[in-house]
Protein backbone atom coordinates (compact mmCIF):
# COMPACT_ATOMS: atom_id res chain seq x y z
CA MET A 1 17.86 -51.69 32.34
CA LEU A 2 19.34 -51.06 28.93
CA ASP A 3 16.29 -52.36 27.32
CA ILE A 4 14.18 -49.85 29.29
CA PHE A 5 16.37 -46.86 28.09
CA GLU A 6 16.07 -48.04 24.57
CA ILE A 7 12.23 -48.83 24.63
CA PHE A 8 11.51 -45.29 26.22
CA GLY A 9 14.40 -43.63 24.28
CA GLU A 10 12.48 -44.15 21.12
CA LEU A 11 9.82 -41.82 22.40
CA SER A 12 12.46 -39.26 22.77
CA TYR A 13 11.74 -36.37 25.41
CA PHE A 14 8.33 -37.66 26.33
CA GLY A 15 9.51 -40.96 27.16
CA ILE A 16 12.25 -39.68 29.38
CA PHE A 17 9.62 -37.52 30.88
CA LEU A 18 7.55 -40.47 31.87
CA VAL A 19 10.35 -42.61 33.19
CA LEU A 20 11.32 -39.59 35.50
CA ILE A 21 7.84 -39.27 36.81
CA ALA A 22 7.70 -43.08 37.65
CA VAL A 23 11.18 -43.05 39.22
CA ASN A 24 10.50 -40.11 41.31
CA ALA A 25 7.14 -41.20 42.46
CA SER A 26 8.84 -44.39 43.95
CA PRO A 27 10.21 -43.89 47.80
CA LEU A 28 12.81 -46.53 47.48
CA LEU A 29 15.03 -48.66 45.26
CA MET A 30 15.46 -46.30 42.36
CA PRO A 31 18.70 -44.90 40.91
CA PRO A 32 19.35 -41.14 41.10
CA SER A 33 17.39 -39.14 38.53
CA TRP A 34 20.68 -37.60 37.21
CA ILE A 35 22.20 -41.20 36.45
CA ILE A 36 19.12 -41.89 34.37
CA LEU A 37 19.18 -38.74 32.37
CA THR A 38 22.90 -39.07 31.77
CA SER A 39 22.45 -42.50 30.57
CA PHE A 40 19.70 -41.34 27.95
CA TYR A 41 22.06 -38.77 26.84
CA LEU A 42 25.06 -41.18 26.37
CA LEU A 43 22.73 -43.31 24.37
CA ASP A 44 21.70 -40.43 22.16
CA PRO A 45 24.08 -37.34 22.20
CA THR A 46 21.76 -35.49 19.84
CA LEU A 47 19.42 -34.71 22.75
CA ASN A 48 19.65 -31.03 23.85
CA ILE A 49 21.30 -30.95 27.31
CA ILE A 50 19.27 -27.85 28.21
CA LEU A 51 15.87 -29.36 26.85
CA LEU A 52 16.59 -32.54 28.47
CA SER A 53 17.43 -30.98 31.99
CA ILE A 54 14.00 -29.25 31.72
CA VAL A 55 12.17 -32.15 30.91
CA GLY A 56 13.94 -34.28 33.46
CA ALA A 57 13.41 -31.45 36.19
CA THR A 58 9.72 -31.25 35.32
CA GLY A 59 9.18 -35.17 35.49
CA SER A 60 11.12 -35.30 38.69
CA THR A 61 9.14 -32.53 40.23
CA ILE A 62 5.52 -34.06 39.19
CA GLY A 63 6.96 -37.62 40.55
CA ARG A 64 8.17 -35.76 44.00
CA TYR A 65 4.59 -34.24 44.18
CA PHE A 66 3.05 -37.68 44.01
CA LEU A 67 5.43 -39.22 46.39
CA LYS A 68 4.73 -36.34 48.87
CA LYS A 69 1.12 -36.90 48.75
CA ILE A 70 1.42 -40.83 49.29
CA SER A 71 3.79 -39.98 52.17
CA GLY A 72 1.38 -37.93 53.84
CA LEU A 73 -1.00 -40.80 54.22
CA PHE A 74 1.52 -42.48 56.66
CA ARG A 75 1.72 -39.52 59.19
CA LYS A 76 -1.02 -41.18 61.39
CA PHE A 77 1.78 -43.85 62.22
CA VAL A 78 4.53 -41.16 63.34
CA GLY A 79 5.05 -40.73 66.94
CA GLU A 80 3.63 -37.71 68.53
CA GLU A 81 6.82 -36.10 69.67
CA GLN A 82 8.37 -36.69 66.21
CA LYS A 83 5.10 -35.55 64.37
CA SER A 84 5.36 -32.27 66.68
CA ASN A 85 8.95 -31.72 65.78
CA LEU A 86 8.32 -31.88 62.10
CA ASP A 87 5.39 -29.52 62.69
CA ILE A 88 7.86 -26.92 64.19
CA ILE A 89 10.03 -27.23 60.94
CA GLY A 90 7.09 -26.82 59.04
CA ASP A 91 5.95 -23.67 60.79
CA TYR A 92 9.36 -22.48 60.78
CA LEU A 93 10.00 -22.61 57.04
CA ASN A 94 6.57 -21.01 56.61
CA ARG A 95 7.43 -18.00 58.61
CA LYS A 96 10.33 -17.39 56.23
CA LYS A 97 9.50 -15.82 53.09
CA PHE A 98 11.29 -17.99 50.82
CA GLY A 99 11.85 -20.74 53.43
CA TYR A 100 10.65 -23.60 51.33
CA VAL A 101 12.09 -22.21 48.03
CA ILE A 102 15.47 -22.08 49.44
CA ALA A 103 15.41 -25.26 51.21
CA SER A 104 14.23 -27.10 48.09
CA PHE A 105 16.52 -25.58 45.68
CA LEU A 106 19.63 -26.30 47.96
CA PHE A 107 18.66 -29.81 48.10
CA GLY A 108 17.59 -29.83 44.40
CA ALA A 109 20.83 -28.39 43.20
CA THR A 110 22.92 -31.37 44.39
CA PRO A 111 22.92 -34.86 42.94
CA LEU A 112 21.88 -36.33 46.03
CA PRO A 113 18.39 -38.48 45.78
CA SER A 114 15.70 -36.29 47.06
CA ASN A 115 13.11 -39.04 48.03
CA MET A 116 13.66 -38.61 51.88
CA LEU A 117 13.10 -34.93 51.38
CA PHE A 118 9.84 -35.28 49.97
CA ILE A 119 8.85 -38.18 52.31
CA THR A 120 9.59 -35.76 55.11
CA TYR A 121 7.41 -32.89 53.44
CA GLY A 122 4.88 -35.28 53.16
CA LEU A 123 4.97 -36.33 56.89
CA MET A 124 4.86 -32.53 57.71
CA ARG A 125 1.90 -32.24 55.38
CA ALA A 126 3.82 -29.11 53.87
CA LYS A 127 1.80 -27.19 51.60
CA ASN A 128 3.67 -24.58 49.80
CA VAL A 129 4.17 -23.97 45.98
CA GLY A 130 7.86 -22.91 46.98
CA ILE A 131 8.70 -26.66 47.60
CA TYR A 132 8.28 -27.33 43.85
CA ILE A 133 9.50 -24.21 42.45
CA GLY A 134 12.71 -24.29 44.24
CA PHE A 135 13.18 -27.95 43.72
CA TRP A 136 12.50 -27.68 39.91
CA PHE A 137 15.05 -24.76 39.49
CA GLY A 138 17.66 -26.67 41.58
CA ARG A 139 17.21 -29.92 39.52
CA VAL A 140 17.63 -27.92 36.17
CA LEU A 141 20.77 -26.70 37.25
CA SER A 142 22.17 -30.03 38.59
CA TYR A 143 20.99 -32.00 35.63
CA ILE A 144 22.88 -29.42 33.20
CA VAL A 145 25.93 -30.10 34.99
CA MET A 146 25.50 -33.73 35.63
CA ILE A 147 24.68 -34.41 32.17
CA TYR A 148 27.42 -32.17 30.66
CA PHE A 149 30.09 -33.97 32.36
CA GLY A 150 28.32 -37.27 31.91
CA ASN A 151 31.34 -39.70 31.20
CA THR A 152 33.55 -37.92 33.62
CA VAL A 153 30.76 -38.18 36.60
CA LEU A 154 29.00 -41.28 35.83
CA LYS A 155 31.48 -43.85 35.18
CA PRO A 156 33.47 -43.26 38.54
CA PHE A 157 30.31 -43.44 40.40
CA LEU A 158 29.01 -46.89 38.75
CA GLU A 159 32.68 -48.22 39.64
CA ILE A 160 32.28 -47.38 43.17
CA PHE A 161 28.90 -49.10 43.40
CA GLU A 162 29.77 -52.07 40.98
CA ASP A 163 26.64 -53.67 42.31
CA ARG A 164 24.23 -51.14 41.34
CA LEU A 165 21.64 -52.66 43.55
CA LEU A 166 23.87 -52.46 46.67
CA GLY A 167 24.55 -49.11 45.85
CA ILE A 168 21.04 -48.03 45.59
CA LEU A 169 20.32 -49.66 48.88
CA LEU A 170 23.17 -48.00 50.55
CA VAL A 171 21.94 -44.66 49.40
CA ASP A 172 18.49 -45.37 50.51
CA ALA A 173 19.82 -46.55 53.83
CA VAL A 174 21.76 -43.22 54.37
CA GLY A 175 18.68 -41.42 53.47
CA ILE A 176 16.40 -43.24 55.94
CA VAL A 177 18.99 -42.61 58.94
CA VAL A 178 19.33 -38.95 57.84
CA ILE A 179 15.30 -38.67 58.15
CA ILE A 180 15.43 -40.37 61.51
CA PHE A 181 18.15 -37.90 62.64
CA PHE A 182 16.26 -35.00 61.72
CA ALA A 183 13.02 -36.24 63.23
CA SER A 184 14.72 -36.82 66.41
CA ILE A 185 15.95 -33.53 67.00
CA ASN A 186 13.92 -31.24 69.28
CA TRP A 187 13.43 -28.45 66.96
CA SER A 188 11.54 -26.24 69.31
CA LEU A 189 14.56 -26.08 71.53
CA LEU A 190 17.05 -25.60 68.82
CA ILE A 191 15.09 -22.92 66.91
CA THR A 192 14.16 -20.73 70.21
CA LYS A 193 17.05 -21.32 72.49
CA ARG A 194 19.84 -22.46 69.81
CA LYS A 195 20.28 -25.75 71.94
CA LEU A 196 20.59 -29.09 70.29
CA LYS A 197 18.74 -32.10 72.08
CA PHE A 198 17.29 -35.22 70.78
CA ALA A 199 13.98 -36.78 71.49
CA LYS A 200 13.61 -40.59 71.55
CA PRO A 201 14.27 -41.83 68.19
CA LYS A 202 11.03 -43.70 67.72
CA LEU A 203 9.35 -42.80 64.44
CA TRP A 204 6.47 -45.02 64.12
CA ARG A 205 3.80 -46.24 66.68
CA PHE A 206 1.90 -49.25 66.13
């Protein structure tokens, strides 16, 4: 992993940009982007935090765009009931003037991995530029904070997940559980009557 940072670090911001696109286009088994950016900064403290955050957010947003496109190809395998629920969420967000912007910003402004968010967008076949605008601004904000407090935040996080692969797998597993949970909610009933009811948790049909 250190070799990768050194190789792409030699390309400065452009190398970091390429790494962030590749990492964010992958659905699973990738460390959170803020860890990658913070690691680049710790290796080269001469990097400008604001510019690094902008480059990172741009690479992340482009990568997530590709992930959303790829995820949309798997919609045909989603169960009809869950597909209907996802469409209801999409219709609801489309009716709100800044629905997608706010949803993406709130998620992007946290250090949590956003792969499952964009996989969900892909399954919903969401088409709204607000998805990327909100996510980009949220990521810039979160990256600035995470990079600025690099040592303070990164080291304790890596100590919790001493086995990095195990940590990544755990985060991905949580994300999968979350997407199944949200896809199983009867969103029509929740939005119209404010009642929480779950559909049979069967995402895929073969």
